[in-house]
Amino acid sequence: MEANLNEIIINGISYIRKDRVENIPAKLDGKTYCIIRTYSAGVFAGFINRTDALNSPYQSATIYNSRRIHWWEGAASISQVSQEGFKKLDACRIAMVVPEEDLRRIIEVIPCTGVAKNQIEGAKEWKK
């Protein structure tokens, strides 16, 4: 049995402390749950292959299970949102889930913690 402060391995299975799991970026088929800021389409959250976005000549990538973040309160920036979520979730405007979406002119890709991901995914769908 191997152990350190954050993880223990028993019979070849790794167990991670619950408080550490919340800070590990969420993954889906090799894609990371991130907040993505584009040049003119706005801010999105969803699963993205970060390498595709960074290496594309047009700064483009496909995002999965995306939600557009139209308006937020209770966070200074999307950097804070990606790490801590929103302090005033009820005041935020987060659109419906879109299963697959192509984004162009990506400016930022910031991996989210489990806390931020869960909050964004669980947020009430904003509709006008």
Protein backbone atom coordinates (compact mmCIF):
# COMPACT_ATOMS: atom_id res chain seq x y z
CA MET A 1 0.00 0.00 0.00
CA GLU A 2 1.40 3.38 -1.07
CA ALA A 3 0.21 6.62 0.50
CA ASN A 4 0.73 10.36 0.39
CA LEU A 5 -1.29 13.27 1.74
CA ASN A 6 -3.72 13.41 -1.20
CA GLU A 7 -3.94 9.83 -2.47
CA ILE A 8 -3.84 6.25 -1.30
CA ILE A 9 -3.42 3.16 -3.48
CA ILE A 10 -5.01 -0.07 -2.25
CA ASN A 11 -4.75 -3.23 -4.34
CA GLY A 12 -3.73 -1.14 -7.35
CA ILE A 13 -6.72 1.20 -7.11
CA SER A 14 -6.04 4.89 -6.50
CA TYR A 15 -8.31 6.73 -4.04
CA ILE A 16 -8.18 10.52 -3.87
CA ARG A 17 -9.38 12.69 -0.98
CA LYS A 18 -12.81 14.18 -1.72
CA ASP A 19 -11.62 17.76 -1.19
CA ARG A 20 -8.86 17.19 -3.77
CA VAL A 21 -11.21 15.72 -6.39
CA GLU A 22 -13.20 18.95 -6.51
CA ASN A 23 -10.09 20.79 -7.73
CA ILE A 24 -9.11 18.36 -10.48
CA PRO A 25 -10.18 19.50 -13.97
CA ALA A 26 -13.06 17.36 -15.24
CA LYS A 27 -12.36 15.18 -18.29
CA LEU A 28 -14.55 13.54 -20.95
CA ASP A 29 -12.93 11.30 -23.57
CA GLY A 30 -9.64 13.19 -23.26
CA LYS A 31 -11.35 16.59 -23.36
CA THR A 32 -11.18 19.03 -20.44
CA TYR A 33 -14.09 21.06 -19.05
CA CYS A 34 -13.05 24.66 -19.63
CA ILE A 35 -14.28 28.19 -19.93
CA ILE A 36 -13.61 29.48 -23.43
CA ARG A 37 -13.61 33.14 -24.41
CA THR A 38 -13.91 33.99 -28.09
CA TYR A 39 -13.20 37.21 -29.92
CA SER A 40 -16.80 38.08 -30.76
CA ALA A 41 -19.13 35.19 -29.82
CA GLY A 42 -18.73 35.52 -26.07
CA VAL A 43 -17.90 33.15 -23.22
CA PHE A 44 -18.70 29.44 -23.17
CA ALA A 45 -18.19 26.51 -20.80
CA GLY A 46 -17.88 22.92 -21.95
CA PHE A 47 -15.59 20.05 -22.87
CA ILE A 48 -12.86 20.91 -25.35
CA ASN A 49 -9.65 19.42 -26.67
CA ARG A 50 -7.28 22.18 -25.59
CA THR A 51 -4.55 21.07 -28.00
CA ASP A 52 -6.92 21.52 -30.96
CA ALA A 53 -7.79 25.05 -29.85
CA LEU A 54 -4.19 26.07 -29.23
CA ASN A 55 -2.75 24.55 -32.40
CA SER A 56 -5.48 25.56 -34.85
CA PRO A 57 -4.35 28.27 -37.31
CA TYR A 58 -7.78 29.88 -36.94
CA GLN A 59 -7.99 29.48 -33.15
CA SER A 60 -10.99 27.18 -33.64
CA ALA A 61 -12.22 24.03 -31.93
CA THR A 62 -15.35 22.01 -31.26
CA ILE A 63 -16.83 22.28 -27.77
CA TYR A 64 -19.14 19.62 -26.33
CA ASN A 65 -22.01 19.99 -23.82
CA SER A 66 -21.46 23.72 -24.03
CA ARG A 67 -23.29 26.49 -22.22
CA ARG A 68 -22.94 30.13 -23.19
CA ILE A 69 -22.29 32.36 -20.19
CA HIS A 70 -24.09 35.52 -21.21
CA TRP A 71 -23.85 37.42 -17.93
CA TRP A 72 -22.31 36.73 -14.54
CA GLU A 73 -22.20 38.28 -11.11
CA GLY A 74 -20.21 37.41 -8.05
CA ALA A 75 -16.88 36.89 -9.82
CA ALA A 76 -14.33 39.42 -11.00
CA SER A 77 -13.45 37.55 -14.20
CA ILE A 78 -13.82 34.26 -16.02
CA SER A 79 -10.54 33.23 -14.42
CA GLN A 80 -12.20 33.40 -11.01
CA VAL A 81 -15.31 31.67 -12.36
CA SER A 82 -13.18 28.79 -13.66
CA GLN A 83 -11.71 28.19 -10.22
CA GLU A 84 -14.45 29.14 -7.75
CA GLY A 85 -17.69 29.37 -9.72
CA PHE A 86 -20.17 32.19 -9.14
CA LYS A 87 -20.95 33.79 -5.78
CA LYS A 88 -24.34 35.02 -7.10
CA LEU A 89 -25.48 32.16 -9.32
CA ASP A 90 -29.14 33.27 -9.33
CA ALA A 91 -28.13 36.58 -10.96
CA CYS A 92 -26.19 34.89 -13.79
CA ARG A 93 -27.44 34.24 -17.31
CA ILE A 94 -26.27 30.81 -18.44
CA ALA A 95 -27.90 29.45 -21.59
CA MET A 96 -29.11 25.95 -22.42
CA VAL A 97 -26.79 23.04 -23.14
CA VAL A 98 -25.75 22.65 -26.77
CA PRO A 99 -24.42 19.12 -27.43
CA GLU A 100 -21.80 20.19 -29.99
CA GLU A 101 -20.70 23.59 -31.20
CA ASP A 102 -17.82 24.91 -33.32
CA LEU A 103 -16.11 28.02 -31.97
CA ARG A 104 -13.85 30.35 -33.94
CA ARG A 105 -11.32 32.99 -32.89
CA ILE A 106 -10.71 31.51 -29.45
CA ILE A 107 -8.81 33.87 -27.18
CA GLU A 108 -8.73 32.01 -23.86
CA VAL A 109 -9.17 28.41 -22.71
CA ILE A 110 -9.19 28.03 -18.91
CA PRO A 111 -9.65 24.60 -17.29
CA CYS A 112 -12.38 24.52 -14.63
CA THR A 113 -12.23 22.93 -11.21
CA GLY A 114 -14.85 20.34 -10.32
CA VAL A 115 -16.59 22.94 -8.14
CA ALA A 116 -16.95 25.40 -11.03
CA LYS A 117 -17.99 22.68 -13.52
CA ASN A 118 -20.69 21.33 -11.23
CA GLN A 119 -22.06 24.79 -10.60
CA ILE A 120 -22.17 25.71 -14.30
CA GLU A 121 -23.72 22.40 -15.33
CA GLY A 122 -26.30 22.63 -12.55
CA ALA A 123 -27.23 26.28 -13.14
CA LYS A 124 -30.80 27.11 -14.06
CA GLU A 125 -31.20 27.58 -17.81
CA TRP A 126 -31.64 31.25 -18.68
CA LYS A 127 -34.21 32.07 -21.33
CA LYS A 128 -35.70 35.37 -22.40
